Protein backbone atom coordinates (compact mmCIF):
# COMPACT_ATOMS: atom_id res chain seq x y z
CA LEU A 1 8.65 25.39 59.67
CA LYS A 2 11.06 23.94 57.15
CA ALA A 3 10.64 21.15 54.61
CA ASP A 4 12.89 18.85 56.69
CA HIS A 5 10.53 19.25 59.65
CA VAL A 6 7.62 18.22 57.45
CA LYS A 7 9.53 15.20 56.10
CA ASP A 8 10.42 14.06 59.63
CA PHE A 9 6.81 14.39 60.73
CA LEU A 10 5.57 12.42 57.70
CA GLU A 11 7.89 9.54 58.63
CA LYS A 12 6.37 9.49 62.11
CA MET A 13 2.83 9.63 60.71
CA LYS A 14 3.58 6.62 58.53
CA ASP A 15 4.53 4.60 61.63
CA PHE A 16 1.73 5.85 63.88
CA PRO A 17 -0.80 3.08 63.02
CA LEU A 18 1.89 0.44 63.59
CA PHE A 19 2.74 1.60 67.10
CA PHE A 20 -0.77 2.60 68.14
CA ARG A 21 -2.78 -0.30 66.77
CA ARG A 22 -5.79 0.77 68.80
CA TYR A 23 -6.18 3.70 66.39
CA ALA A 24 -5.06 1.94 63.19
CA LYS A 25 -8.57 1.44 61.81
CA LEU A 26 -9.64 5.00 62.55
CA ASN A 27 -9.23 8.07 60.38
CA ILE A 28 -5.91 9.69 61.31
CA TYR A 29 -5.13 13.19 60.07
CA GLY A 30 -1.91 15.12 60.54
CA ALA A 31 -1.10 18.76 61.13
CA VAL A 32 2.02 20.83 61.46
CA ALA A 33 2.08 24.04 63.45
CA ALA A 34 4.72 26.72 63.73
CA LEU A 35 5.36 30.29 64.79
CA ARG A 36 7.28 30.97 61.59
CA THR A 37 6.92 29.14 58.30
CA GLU A 38 8.57 29.19 54.91
CA GLN A 39 6.02 29.48 52.13
CA GLN A 40 7.46 26.54 50.19
CA SER A 41 7.25 24.41 53.35
CA GLU A 42 3.60 25.36 53.80
CA ARG A 43 2.86 24.26 50.23
CA PHE A 44 4.88 21.06 50.64
CA ALA A 45 3.02 20.11 53.83
CA GLU A 46 -0.32 20.83 52.20
CA LYS A 47 0.56 18.72 49.14
CA GLN A 48 1.36 15.87 51.53
CA GLY A 49 -2.15 16.14 52.97
CA LEU A 50 -1.29 17.87 56.24
CA PHE A 51 -3.15 20.70 57.89
CA VAL A 52 -0.87 23.73 58.22
CA ILE A 53 -1.40 25.87 61.31
CA LYS A 54 0.36 29.14 61.98
CA ILE A 55 0.53 30.49 65.51
CA GLY A 56 0.34 34.26 65.71
CA GLY A 57 0.35 36.95 68.34
CA ASP A 58 -1.87 36.74 71.40
CA GLY A 59 -2.09 32.96 71.02
CA MET A 60 -4.26 33.21 67.92
CA THR A 61 -3.96 30.39 65.42
CA GLU A 62 -4.78 30.28 61.73
CA ILE A 63 -5.27 27.27 59.50
CA LEU A 64 -3.50 28.16 56.27
CA ASN A 65 -5.06 25.48 54.06
CA PRO A 66 -7.55 26.66 51.43
CA PRO A 67 -11.27 25.90 51.91
CA ASP A 68 -11.17 23.10 49.29
CA PHE A 69 -8.24 21.31 51.01
CA ARG A 70 -8.58 17.53 51.38
CA ALA A 71 -6.52 16.09 54.24
CA LYS A 72 -4.78 12.75 53.81
CA ASN A 73 -6.01 9.90 55.98
CA PHE A 74 -2.92 8.30 57.52
CA GLY A 75 -4.97 5.52 59.12
CA ALA A 76 -5.17 1.97 57.81
CA GLU A 77 -8.44 2.77 56.09
CA GLY A 78 -6.86 5.74 54.28
C-alpha cells in the first residue's frame, strides 16, 4: 500500500454517493487492504478516516487502526 493508492481510493470515495444515490444518505465508511504496506501510508490512510487492513499469512487479516480510531463518514450525512 502506497500513499498514491490511498489518494486514488479517496477520490473514488468522494464520488461514491454521486454515482450510487441509493446509498448517499447512509453512513459510508472506507477501508484499504493490502498484503504489504508502508508505515507512512498506513498513517496517511488512517488520518484520512479510512480503516487500514493488513492481510497476513493463512488468510488472516488485521485491522491496524488503534482502538480509539474514528472512521470518516463519506456519505451525504457525514
